[in-house]
N, C-alpha and C. Protein backbone atom coordinates (compact mmCIF):
# COMPACT_ATOMS: atom_id res chain seq x y z
N MET A 1 -109.76 166.69 -187.75
CA MET A 1 -109.90 165.71 -186.81
C MET A 1 -108.81 164.58 -186.98
N THR A 2 -108.42 164.24 -188.33
CA THR A 2 -107.26 163.36 -188.57
C THR A 2 -106.00 163.92 -188.09
N MET A 3 -105.74 165.19 -188.27
CA MET A 3 -104.50 165.78 -187.78
C MET A 3 -104.45 165.57 -186.20
N ARG A 4 -105.53 165.82 -185.63
CA ARG A 4 -105.50 165.65 -183.99
C ARG A 4 -105.29 164.32 -183.67
N HIS A 5 -105.94 163.35 -184.44
CA HIS A 5 -105.76 161.89 -184.17
C HIS A 5 -104.27 161.50 -184.42
N GLY A 6 -103.60 162.04 -185.44
CA GLY A 6 -102.33 161.74 -185.75
C GLY A 6 -101.45 162.32 -184.59
N LEU A 7 -101.62 163.44 -184.03
CA LEU A 7 -100.90 164.14 -183.07
C LEU A 7 -101.01 163.23 -181.79
N VAL A 8 -102.29 162.78 -181.40
CA VAL A 8 -102.46 162.04 -180.23
C VAL A 8 -101.73 160.68 -180.40
N THR A 9 -101.73 160.12 -181.56
CA THR A 9 -100.97 158.69 -181.75
C THR A 9 -99.46 159.08 -181.62
N HIS A 10 -98.94 160.10 -182.09
CA HIS A 10 -97.45 160.38 -181.90
C HIS A 10 -97.15 160.70 -180.44
N VAL A 11 -97.92 161.34 -179.77
CA VAL A 11 -97.71 161.64 -178.36
C VAL A 11 -97.76 160.33 -177.50
N MET A 12 -98.75 159.45 -177.79
CA MET A 12 -98.78 158.18 -177.04
C MET A 12 -97.66 157.33 -177.43
N LEU A 13 -97.13 157.25 -178.74
CA LEU A 13 -95.91 156.55 -179.05
C LEU A 13 -94.69 156.99 -178.31
N ILE A 14 -94.55 158.30 -178.25
CA ILE A 14 -93.39 158.81 -177.67
C ILE A 14 -93.42 158.57 -176.10
N ALA A 15 -94.65 158.60 -175.52
CA ALA A 15 -94.82 158.35 -174.12
C ALA A 15 -94.40 156.82 -173.86
N VAL A 16 -94.93 155.88 -174.77
CA VAL A 16 -94.53 154.36 -174.70
C VAL A 16 -93.04 154.24 -174.72
N LEU A 17 -92.41 154.85 -175.69
CA LEU A 17 -90.93 154.81 -175.87
C LEU A 17 -90.17 155.22 -174.67
N MET A 18 -90.65 156.32 -174.08
CA MET A 18 -89.98 156.93 -172.95
C MET A 18 -90.09 156.09 -171.60
N VAL A 19 -91.34 155.43 -171.46
CA VAL A 19 -91.60 154.71 -170.32
C VAL A 19 -90.85 153.22 -170.59
N GLY A 20 -91.08 152.73 -171.61
CA GLY A 20 -90.55 151.43 -171.90
C GLY A 20 -91.35 150.27 -171.29
N CYS A 21 -90.70 149.15 -171.20
CA CYS A 21 -91.33 148.04 -170.65
C CYS A 21 -90.53 147.39 -169.58
N ALA A 22 -91.00 146.60 -168.69
CA ALA A 22 -90.28 146.06 -167.64
C ALA A 22 -89.29 145.00 -168.13
N LYS A 23 -87.99 145.14 -167.69
CA LYS A 23 -86.98 144.16 -168.18
C LYS A 23 -86.83 142.99 -167.25
N THR A 24 -87.32 143.19 -166.04
CA THR A 24 -87.10 142.09 -164.99
C THR A 24 -88.48 142.03 -164.32
N PRO A 25 -88.77 140.78 -163.70
CA PRO A 25 -89.98 140.47 -163.10
C PRO A 25 -90.22 141.44 -161.94
N ALA A 26 -91.42 141.85 -161.77
CA ALA A 26 -91.76 142.66 -160.53
C ALA A 26 -91.84 141.92 -159.28
N THR A 27 -91.25 142.51 -158.24
CA THR A 27 -91.48 141.80 -156.81
C THR A 27 -91.78 143.05 -155.99
N THR A 28 -92.06 142.55 -154.83
CA THR A 28 -92.42 143.47 -153.78
C THR A 28 -91.23 144.17 -153.24
N GLY A 29 -91.30 145.26 -152.62
CA GLY A 29 -90.13 146.02 -152.18
C GLY A 29 -89.23 145.25 -151.10
N GLY A 30 -87.98 145.67 -151.05
CA GLY A 30 -87.15 145.08 -150.14
C GLY A 30 -86.79 146.23 -149.13
N SER A 31 -86.27 145.75 -147.89
CA SER A 31 -85.97 146.66 -146.98
C SER A 31 -84.58 147.26 -146.86
N ALA A 32 -83.75 146.58 -147.77
CA ALA A 32 -82.30 146.98 -147.85
C ALA A 32 -82.28 148.02 -149.01
N PRO A 33 -81.28 148.89 -148.85
CA PRO A 33 -81.03 149.93 -149.96
C PRO A 33 -80.57 149.23 -151.12
N ALA A 34 -80.79 149.83 -152.32
CA ALA A 34 -80.30 149.33 -153.54
C ALA A 34 -78.78 149.16 -153.63
N PRO A 35 -78.30 147.93 -154.19
CA PRO A 35 -76.86 147.75 -154.25
C PRO A 35 -76.20 148.90 -155.01
N THR A 36 -75.03 149.21 -154.70
CA THR A 36 -74.24 150.03 -155.43
C THR A 36 -72.87 149.56 -155.74
N GLY A 37 -72.32 149.99 -156.89
CA GLY A 37 -70.91 149.60 -157.17
C GLY A 37 -70.73 148.03 -157.30
N SER A 38 -71.78 147.33 -157.63
CA SER A 38 -71.67 145.98 -157.85
C SER A 38 -71.13 145.62 -159.19
N ALA A 39 -70.26 144.55 -159.33
CA ALA A 39 -69.84 144.19 -160.60
C ALA A 39 -70.33 142.70 -160.83
N SER A 40 -70.84 142.34 -162.02
CA SER A 40 -71.27 141.09 -162.32
C SER A 40 -70.18 140.18 -162.74
N LEU A 41 -70.29 138.92 -162.38
CA LEU A 41 -69.27 137.89 -162.69
C LEU A 41 -69.98 136.58 -163.25
N ALA A 42 -69.39 135.76 -163.88
CA ALA A 42 -69.95 134.48 -164.26
C ALA A 42 -69.29 133.47 -163.35
N ALA A 43 -70.00 132.52 -162.79
CA ALA A 43 -69.41 131.47 -161.76
C ALA A 43 -70.00 130.25 -162.01
N SER A 44 -69.40 129.14 -162.24
CA SER A 44 -69.86 127.79 -162.37
C SER A 44 -69.94 127.22 -160.95
N ASP A 45 -71.00 126.43 -160.60
CA ASP A 45 -71.10 125.85 -159.40
C ASP A 45 -70.40 124.59 -159.30
N GLY A 46 -69.88 124.09 -160.44
CA GLY A 46 -68.90 122.89 -160.41
C GLY A 46 -69.72 121.62 -160.35
N ALA A 47 -70.91 121.63 -159.72
CA ALA A 47 -71.73 120.32 -159.63
C ALA A 47 -72.20 119.91 -160.92
N ASP A 48 -72.91 120.82 -161.74
CA ASP A 48 -73.49 120.48 -162.86
C ASP A 48 -73.03 121.25 -164.11
N GLY A 49 -72.09 122.11 -163.90
CA GLY A 49 -71.54 122.89 -164.83
C GLY A 49 -72.51 124.14 -165.27
N ARG A 50 -73.64 124.20 -164.54
CA ARG A 50 -74.50 125.34 -164.96
C ARG A 50 -73.84 126.67 -164.54
N MET A 51 -74.09 127.69 -165.38
CA MET A 51 -73.48 128.95 -165.08
C MET A 51 -74.54 129.70 -164.34
N ALA A 52 -74.11 130.34 -163.22
CA ALA A 52 -74.97 131.21 -162.40
C ALA A 52 -74.46 132.68 -162.43
N SER A 53 -75.33 133.55 -162.19
CA SER A 53 -74.94 134.95 -161.94
C SER A 53 -74.47 135.23 -160.65
N ALA A 54 -73.21 135.70 -160.57
CA ALA A 54 -72.60 136.06 -159.23
C ALA A 54 -72.36 137.58 -159.31
N THR A 55 -72.89 138.15 -158.29
CA THR A 55 -72.72 139.55 -158.15
C THR A 55 -72.15 139.97 -156.70
N GLY A 56 -71.11 140.78 -156.71
CA GLY A 56 -70.52 141.17 -155.34
C GLY A 56 -69.83 142.47 -155.43
N ALA A 57 -69.90 143.08 -154.30
CA ALA A 57 -69.18 144.33 -154.27
C ALA A 57 -67.65 144.13 -154.47
N GLN A 58 -67.07 144.71 -155.39
CA GLN A 58 -65.76 144.52 -155.67
C GLN A 58 -65.40 143.10 -155.99
N SER A 59 -66.44 142.43 -156.70
CA SER A 59 -66.41 140.98 -157.12
C SER A 59 -66.38 140.04 -155.87
N GLY A 60 -66.46 140.62 -154.71
CA GLY A 60 -66.73 139.76 -153.51
C GLY A 60 -65.35 139.24 -152.99
N THR A 61 -64.23 139.48 -153.70
CA THR A 61 -63.01 138.93 -153.21
C THR A 61 -62.10 140.06 -152.71
N GLY A 62 -62.46 141.27 -152.87
CA GLY A 62 -61.48 142.37 -152.50
C GLY A 62 -60.29 142.53 -153.47
N SER A 63 -60.21 141.71 -154.43
CA SER A 63 -59.06 141.88 -155.33
C SER A 63 -59.37 141.82 -156.81
N GLY A 64 -60.84 141.77 -157.02
CA GLY A 64 -61.27 141.89 -158.42
C GLY A 64 -61.31 140.43 -158.95
N GLY A 65 -61.06 139.45 -158.20
CA GLY A 65 -60.90 138.04 -158.86
C GLY A 65 -62.26 137.53 -159.02
N ARG A 66 -62.25 136.32 -159.64
CA ARG A 66 -63.52 135.63 -159.99
C ARG A 66 -64.00 134.80 -158.78
N VAL A 67 -65.29 134.86 -158.43
CA VAL A 67 -65.80 134.11 -157.32
C VAL A 67 -66.10 132.69 -157.84
N VAL A 68 -65.58 131.76 -157.12
CA VAL A 68 -65.64 130.33 -157.39
C VAL A 68 -66.35 129.74 -156.13
N PRO A 69 -67.66 129.45 -156.35
CA PRO A 69 -68.47 128.90 -155.25
C PRO A 69 -67.75 127.68 -154.66
N GLY A 70 -67.16 126.72 -155.35
CA GLY A 70 -66.52 125.57 -154.83
C GLY A 70 -65.46 125.84 -153.87
N GLU A 71 -64.99 127.04 -153.77
CA GLU A 71 -63.96 127.45 -152.78
C GLU A 71 -64.49 127.79 -151.42
N TYR A 72 -65.83 127.94 -151.33
CA TYR A 72 -66.44 128.26 -150.09
C TYR A 72 -67.13 127.16 -149.49
N SER A 73 -67.34 127.08 -148.23
CA SER A 73 -68.03 125.97 -147.52
C SER A 73 -68.87 126.45 -146.43
N PRO A 74 -69.94 125.77 -146.02
CA PRO A 74 -70.87 126.18 -145.05
C PRO A 74 -70.21 126.28 -143.70
N LEU A 75 -70.72 127.07 -142.81
CA LEU A 75 -70.32 127.27 -141.41
C LEU A 75 -71.44 127.18 -140.57
N ALA A 76 -71.49 126.57 -139.44
CA ALA A 76 -72.53 126.53 -138.43
C ALA A 76 -72.78 127.83 -137.82
N ASP A 77 -71.78 128.78 -137.78
CA ASP A 77 -71.91 130.05 -137.30
C ASP A 77 -72.80 130.98 -138.04
N LEU A 78 -72.98 130.77 -139.39
CA LEU A 78 -73.82 131.60 -140.26
C LEU A 78 -75.02 130.88 -140.74
N ALA A 79 -75.94 130.83 -139.93
CA ALA A 79 -77.38 130.18 -140.36
C ALA A 79 -78.03 130.98 -141.43
N ASP A 80 -78.87 130.20 -142.27
CA ASP A 80 -79.57 130.66 -143.26
C ASP A 80 -80.67 131.63 -142.57
N ILE A 81 -80.94 132.70 -143.57
CA ILE A 81 -82.26 133.54 -143.17
C ILE A 81 -83.27 133.16 -144.27
N HIS A 82 -84.42 133.52 -144.00
CA HIS A 82 -85.57 133.05 -144.67
C HIS A 82 -86.43 134.29 -145.18
N PHE A 83 -87.18 134.14 -146.31
CA PHE A 83 -88.07 135.15 -146.85
C PHE A 83 -89.45 134.67 -147.04
N ASP A 84 -90.43 135.66 -147.01
CA ASP A 84 -91.76 135.41 -147.34
C ASP A 84 -91.90 135.18 -148.87
N PHE A 85 -92.97 134.57 -149.16
CA PHE A 85 -93.25 134.29 -150.66
C PHE A 85 -93.19 135.48 -151.52
N ASP A 86 -92.49 135.49 -152.53
CA ASP A 86 -92.39 136.43 -153.53
C ASP A 86 -91.84 137.92 -152.95
N ARG A 87 -91.00 137.82 -151.84
CA ARG A 87 -90.44 138.97 -151.26
C ARG A 87 -88.97 138.77 -151.09
N TYR A 88 -88.32 139.96 -150.91
CA TYR A 88 -86.95 139.96 -150.67
C TYR A 88 -86.45 140.90 -149.56
N ASP A 89 -87.57 141.32 -148.77
CA ASP A 89 -87.20 142.17 -147.60
C ASP A 89 -86.77 141.41 -146.47
N ILE A 90 -85.94 141.84 -145.69
CA ILE A 90 -85.39 141.23 -144.56
C ILE A 90 -86.30 141.25 -143.40
N ARG A 91 -86.73 140.18 -142.91
CA ARG A 91 -87.83 140.10 -141.72
C ARG A 91 -87.22 140.44 -140.38
N THR A 92 -87.85 140.88 -139.53
CA THR A 92 -87.41 141.33 -138.21
C THR A 92 -86.54 140.36 -137.45
N ALA A 93 -87.03 139.02 -137.49
CA ALA A 93 -86.35 137.92 -136.80
C ALA A 93 -84.94 137.64 -137.42
N ASP A 94 -85.08 137.89 -138.88
CA ASP A 94 -83.91 137.53 -139.61
C ASP A 94 -82.84 138.66 -139.51
N ALA A 95 -83.39 139.99 -139.26
CA ALA A 95 -82.37 141.03 -139.06
C ALA A 95 -81.53 140.77 -137.83
N ALA A 96 -82.30 140.37 -136.79
CA ALA A 96 -81.51 139.97 -135.57
C ALA A 96 -80.47 138.92 -135.66
N LEU A 97 -80.83 138.01 -136.68
CA LEU A 97 -79.72 136.81 -136.96
C LEU A 97 -78.60 137.49 -137.80
N LEU A 98 -78.95 138.38 -138.78
CA LEU A 98 -77.95 139.04 -139.48
C LEU A 98 -77.06 139.89 -138.70
N ASP A 99 -77.50 140.57 -137.69
CA ASP A 99 -76.79 141.31 -136.65
C ASP A 99 -75.79 140.43 -136.03
N LYS A 100 -76.17 139.07 -135.77
CA LYS A 100 -75.12 138.22 -135.22
C LYS A 100 -74.12 137.80 -136.24
N HIS A 101 -74.63 137.67 -137.40
CA HIS A 101 -73.53 137.32 -138.53
C HIS A 101 -72.54 138.41 -138.76
N ALA A 102 -73.05 139.74 -138.67
CA ALA A 102 -72.13 140.85 -138.89
C ALA A 102 -71.13 140.83 -137.67
N ALA A 103 -71.59 140.58 -136.51
CA ALA A 103 -70.66 140.59 -135.32
C ALA A 103 -69.61 139.48 -135.55
N TRP A 104 -70.03 138.30 -136.09
CA TRP A 104 -69.10 137.12 -136.33
C TRP A 104 -68.03 137.56 -137.34
N LEU A 105 -68.53 138.33 -138.44
CA LEU A 105 -67.67 138.66 -139.48
C LEU A 105 -66.75 139.72 -139.05
N ARG A 106 -67.09 140.52 -138.15
CA ARG A 106 -66.12 141.58 -137.59
C ARG A 106 -65.02 140.79 -136.71
N GLN A 107 -65.44 139.74 -136.03
CA GLN A 107 -64.60 139.06 -135.29
C GLN A 107 -63.66 138.13 -136.02
N ASN A 108 -64.03 137.82 -137.26
CA ASN A 108 -63.26 136.87 -138.13
C ASN A 108 -62.90 137.65 -139.39
N PRO A 109 -61.96 138.63 -139.34
CA PRO A 109 -61.85 139.58 -140.49
C PRO A 109 -61.04 138.77 -141.62
N ASP A 110 -60.55 137.59 -141.42
CA ASP A 110 -59.94 136.78 -142.50
C ASP A 110 -60.77 135.93 -143.38
N ARG A 111 -62.09 136.12 -142.97
CA ARG A 111 -63.19 135.20 -143.73
C ARG A 111 -63.84 136.07 -144.81
N LEU A 112 -64.09 135.48 -146.02
CA LEU A 112 -64.78 136.10 -147.11
C LEU A 112 -66.10 135.19 -147.17
N VAL A 113 -67.10 135.84 -147.39
CA VAL A 113 -68.48 135.10 -147.38
C VAL A 113 -69.27 135.41 -148.77
N LEU A 114 -69.72 134.16 -149.15
CA LEU A 114 -70.59 134.04 -150.42
C LEU A 114 -72.07 133.97 -149.92
N ILE A 115 -72.89 134.74 -150.32
CA ILE A 115 -74.37 134.65 -149.93
C ILE A 115 -75.03 134.14 -151.15
N GLU A 116 -75.64 133.00 -151.07
CA GLU A 116 -76.47 132.33 -152.09
C GLU A 116 -78.02 132.77 -151.86
N GLY A 117 -78.51 133.18 -152.97
CA GLY A 117 -80.04 133.39 -153.02
C GLY A 117 -80.76 132.29 -153.56
N HIS A 118 -81.88 131.86 -152.84
CA HIS A 118 -82.57 130.77 -153.18
C HIS A 118 -84.03 131.08 -153.17
N CYS A 119 -84.87 130.24 -154.12
CA CYS A 119 -86.13 130.45 -154.17
C CYS A 119 -86.95 129.06 -154.01
N ASP A 120 -88.31 129.04 -153.89
CA ASP A 120 -88.99 127.87 -153.95
C ASP A 120 -89.21 127.61 -155.44
N GLU A 121 -89.87 126.57 -155.71
CA GLU A 121 -89.99 126.07 -157.12
C GLU A 121 -91.04 126.68 -157.99
N ARG A 122 -91.81 127.64 -157.32
CA ARG A 122 -93.00 128.30 -158.05
C ARG A 122 -92.29 129.44 -158.81
N GLY A 123 -92.82 129.69 -159.98
CA GLY A 123 -92.36 130.74 -160.89
C GLY A 123 -91.30 130.17 -161.88
N THR A 124 -91.09 131.16 -162.85
CA THR A 124 -90.18 130.63 -164.07
C THR A 124 -88.65 130.70 -163.51
N THR A 125 -87.93 130.10 -164.25
CA THR A 125 -86.54 129.91 -163.98
C THR A 125 -85.93 131.36 -163.82
N GLU A 126 -86.22 132.10 -164.87
CA GLU A 126 -85.72 133.51 -164.91
C GLU A 126 -86.10 134.34 -163.80
N TYR A 127 -87.52 134.18 -163.50
CA TYR A 127 -87.98 135.02 -162.41
C TYR A 127 -87.39 134.57 -161.13
N ASN A 128 -87.07 133.30 -160.85
CA ASN A 128 -86.52 132.84 -159.61
C ASN A 128 -85.15 133.18 -159.48
N VAL A 129 -84.30 133.16 -160.60
CA VAL A 129 -82.89 133.57 -160.57
C VAL A 129 -82.79 135.14 -160.18
N ALA A 130 -83.76 135.98 -160.76
CA ALA A 130 -83.82 137.30 -160.41
C ALA A 130 -84.28 137.68 -158.99
N LEU A 131 -85.28 136.84 -158.52
CA LEU A 131 -85.70 137.07 -157.05
C LEU A 131 -84.47 136.56 -156.21
N GLY A 132 -83.95 135.43 -156.41
CA GLY A 132 -82.82 134.91 -155.65
C GLY A 132 -81.71 135.93 -155.52
N GLU A 133 -81.43 136.59 -156.68
CA GLU A 133 -80.38 137.58 -156.67
C GLU A 133 -80.85 138.83 -155.76
N ARG A 134 -82.00 139.16 -155.85
CA ARG A 134 -82.64 140.37 -155.03
C ARG A 134 -82.40 139.89 -153.46
N ARG A 135 -82.74 138.68 -153.14
CA ARG A 135 -82.59 138.22 -151.88
C ARG A 135 -81.20 138.25 -151.30
N ALA A 136 -80.33 137.79 -152.14
CA ALA A 136 -78.95 137.77 -151.72
C ALA A 136 -78.39 139.19 -151.62
N LYS A 137 -78.72 140.10 -152.57
CA LYS A 137 -78.21 141.61 -152.52
C LYS A 137 -78.90 142.27 -151.25
N ALA A 138 -80.11 141.96 -150.90
CA ALA A 138 -80.70 142.50 -149.82
C ALA A 138 -80.01 142.07 -148.49
N THR A 139 -79.58 140.84 -148.45
CA THR A 139 -78.80 140.38 -147.32
C THR A 139 -77.37 140.99 -147.32
N MET A 140 -76.75 141.03 -148.46
CA MET A 140 -75.46 141.71 -148.52
C MET A 140 -75.49 143.17 -148.00
N ASN A 141 -76.62 143.75 -148.40
CA ASN A 141 -76.64 145.30 -148.14
C ASN A 141 -77.02 145.48 -146.64
N TYR A 142 -77.65 144.61 -146.04
CA TYR A 142 -78.00 144.70 -144.66
C TYR A 142 -76.56 144.55 -144.00
N LEU A 143 -75.88 143.49 -144.27
CA LEU A 143 -74.47 143.29 -143.68
C LEU A 143 -73.52 144.54 -143.89
N LEU A 144 -73.67 145.07 -145.01
CA LEU A 144 -72.83 146.36 -145.33
C LEU A 144 -73.15 147.44 -144.44
N SER A 145 -74.58 147.58 -144.14
CA SER A 145 -74.99 148.66 -143.38
C SER A 145 -74.66 148.34 -141.87
N ARG A 146 -74.16 147.26 -141.52
CA ARG A 146 -73.71 146.86 -140.15
C ARG A 146 -72.11 146.91 -140.15
N GLY A 147 -71.50 147.41 -141.09
CA GLY A 147 -70.13 147.70 -141.01
C GLY A 147 -69.16 146.54 -141.62
N VAL A 148 -69.78 145.48 -142.23
CA VAL A 148 -69.07 144.61 -142.92
C VAL A 148 -68.34 145.19 -144.21
N PRO A 149 -67.02 145.07 -144.33
CA PRO A 149 -66.47 145.65 -145.62
C PRO A 149 -66.98 144.93 -146.81
N ALA A 150 -67.21 145.71 -147.75
CA ALA A 150 -67.75 145.22 -149.16
C ALA A 150 -66.86 144.16 -149.81
N GLY A 151 -65.71 144.25 -149.65
CA GLY A 151 -64.74 143.40 -150.36
C GLY A 151 -64.72 141.94 -149.83
N ARG A 152 -65.41 141.79 -148.62
CA ARG A 152 -65.60 140.48 -148.01
C ARG A 152 -66.85 139.70 -148.49
N LEU A 153 -67.62 140.29 -149.23
CA LEU A 153 -68.98 139.77 -149.59
C LEU A 153 -69.14 139.70 -151.04
N ALA A 154 -69.92 138.50 -151.48
CA ALA A 154 -70.22 138.34 -152.81
C ALA A 154 -71.64 137.60 -152.69
N VAL A 155 -72.34 137.75 -153.88
CA VAL A 155 -73.62 137.09 -153.91
C VAL A 155 -73.71 136.32 -155.20
N ILE A 156 -74.60 135.26 -155.11
CA ILE A 156 -74.87 134.51 -156.32
C ILE A 156 -76.33 133.95 -156.16
N SER A 157 -77.00 133.85 -157.18
CA SER A 157 -78.28 133.36 -157.21
C SER A 157 -78.53 132.00 -157.93
N TYR A 158 -79.10 131.09 -157.23
CA TYR A 158 -79.42 129.75 -157.90
C TYR A 158 -80.96 129.59 -158.21
N GLY A 159 -81.76 130.58 -157.84
CA GLY A 159 -83.14 130.53 -158.05
C GLY A 159 -83.71 129.37 -157.38
N GLU A 160 -84.30 128.38 -158.13
CA GLU A 160 -84.94 127.20 -157.50
C GLU A 160 -84.04 125.97 -157.70
N GLU A 161 -82.86 126.12 -158.23
CA GLU A 161 -82.10 124.96 -158.63
C GLU A 161 -81.42 124.14 -157.46
N HIS A 162 -81.24 124.60 -156.22
CA HIS A 162 -80.55 124.05 -155.20
C HIS A 162 -81.44 124.02 -153.91
N PRO A 163 -82.53 123.28 -154.05
CA PRO A 163 -83.57 123.25 -152.86
C PRO A 163 -83.08 122.72 -151.64
N ALA A 164 -83.40 123.12 -150.50
CA ALA A 164 -83.09 122.57 -149.20
C ALA A 164 -84.11 121.34 -148.97
N CYS A 165 -85.27 121.59 -149.55
CA CYS A 165 -86.36 120.55 -149.29
C CYS A 165 -86.88 120.26 -150.63
N ALA A 166 -87.35 119.06 -150.84
CA ALA A 166 -87.77 118.62 -152.20
C ALA A 166 -89.27 118.33 -152.20
N GLN A 167 -89.88 118.43 -151.06
CA GLN A 167 -91.46 118.30 -151.06
C GLN A 167 -92.09 119.37 -151.68
N HIS A 168 -93.38 119.26 -152.24
CA HIS A 168 -94.26 120.13 -152.85
C HIS A 168 -95.20 120.63 -151.89
N ALA A 169 -94.87 121.39 -150.84
CA ALA A 169 -95.75 121.83 -149.91
C ALA A 169 -95.16 123.16 -149.21
N GLU A 170 -96.18 124.04 -148.65
CA GLU A 170 -95.79 125.25 -148.21
C GLU A 170 -94.60 125.23 -147.22
N GLY A 171 -94.72 124.28 -146.24
CA GLY A 171 -93.67 124.19 -145.28
C GLY A 171 -92.26 123.95 -145.87
N CYS A 172 -92.15 123.10 -146.89
CA CYS A 172 -90.89 123.02 -147.57
C CYS A 172 -90.58 124.16 -148.39
N TRP A 173 -91.45 124.69 -149.12
CA TRP A 173 -91.19 126.04 -149.94
C TRP A 173 -90.69 127.01 -149.04
N ALA A 174 -91.17 127.13 -147.85
CA ALA A 174 -90.61 128.24 -146.97
C ALA A 174 -89.25 127.95 -146.52
N GLN A 175 -88.71 126.68 -146.50
CA GLN A 175 -87.28 126.47 -146.20
C GLN A 175 -86.41 126.74 -147.52
N ASN A 176 -87.02 126.72 -148.56
CA ASN A 176 -86.16 126.91 -149.77
C ASN A 176 -86.03 128.47 -150.08
N ARG A 177 -86.89 129.38 -149.55
CA ARG A 177 -86.87 130.76 -149.86
C ARG A 177 -85.87 131.36 -148.80
N ARG A 178 -84.64 131.33 -149.16
CA ARG A 178 -83.57 131.55 -148.14
C ARG A 178 -82.34 132.36 -148.72
N ALA A 179 -81.49 132.76 -147.93
CA ALA A 179 -80.09 133.18 -148.23
C ALA A 179 -79.32 132.36 -147.38
N HIS A 180 -78.36 131.56 -148.15
CA HIS A 180 -77.42 130.66 -147.50
C HIS A 180 -76.04 131.23 -147.48
N PHE A 181 -75.27 130.97 -146.49
CA PHE A 181 -73.95 131.60 -146.35
C PHE A 181 -72.86 130.53 -146.39
N LEU A 182 -71.89 130.82 -147.18
CA LEU A 182 -70.69 129.97 -147.40
C LEU A 182 -69.40 130.97 -146.96
N ALA A 183 -68.36 130.36 -146.50
CA ALA A 183 -67.29 131.23 -146.20
C ALA A 183 -65.88 130.50 -146.55
N LYS A 184 -64.94 131.39 -146.73
CA LYS A 184 -63.57 130.82 -146.98
C LYS A 184 -62.59 131.84 -146.33
N ARG A 185 -61.44 131.31 -146.09
CA ARG A 185 -60.26 132.18 -145.56
C ARG A 185 -59.90 133.18 -146.71
N GLY A 186 -59.61 134.40 -146.32
CA GLY A 186 -59.30 135.42 -147.36
C GLY A 186 -57.72 135.38 -147.69
């Protein structure tokens, strides 16, 4: 019986080692395909010197350069899209808005876009940065699926660090769960 017990223990140990443990927080599925060919960059937002994770297809600049968020500015033509709590899938109404964004980007081929992923204040900093990145990547992937060239898009996640609204209520939190768009001339 001890030999059998030892064999069971070894099999369980091997199974645990093969499966491993989760490295990132679990979230619900997204509607966009998984990002491909993304390169990670470090980018400082300039306001407080905090380093944020920036990820973009071909570094988001088309030339392999570093993404500097301070070089981008908001445009009225590119409104924020929003997400449900703890989700990064693109909602139907937001998909229609992203279709308009894709059309605008095709009409303005000289513009580069930085997509910021944001979360509400609930959850750990690490969890929110990861969720914000998933939101920004889902948004980027949707635009890629609509024909926007990868070299014109970059993403960055701020998690909960740059809220649009500072109240501690669901209506405010819903405003903070967003992908925000900034653009610059290429």
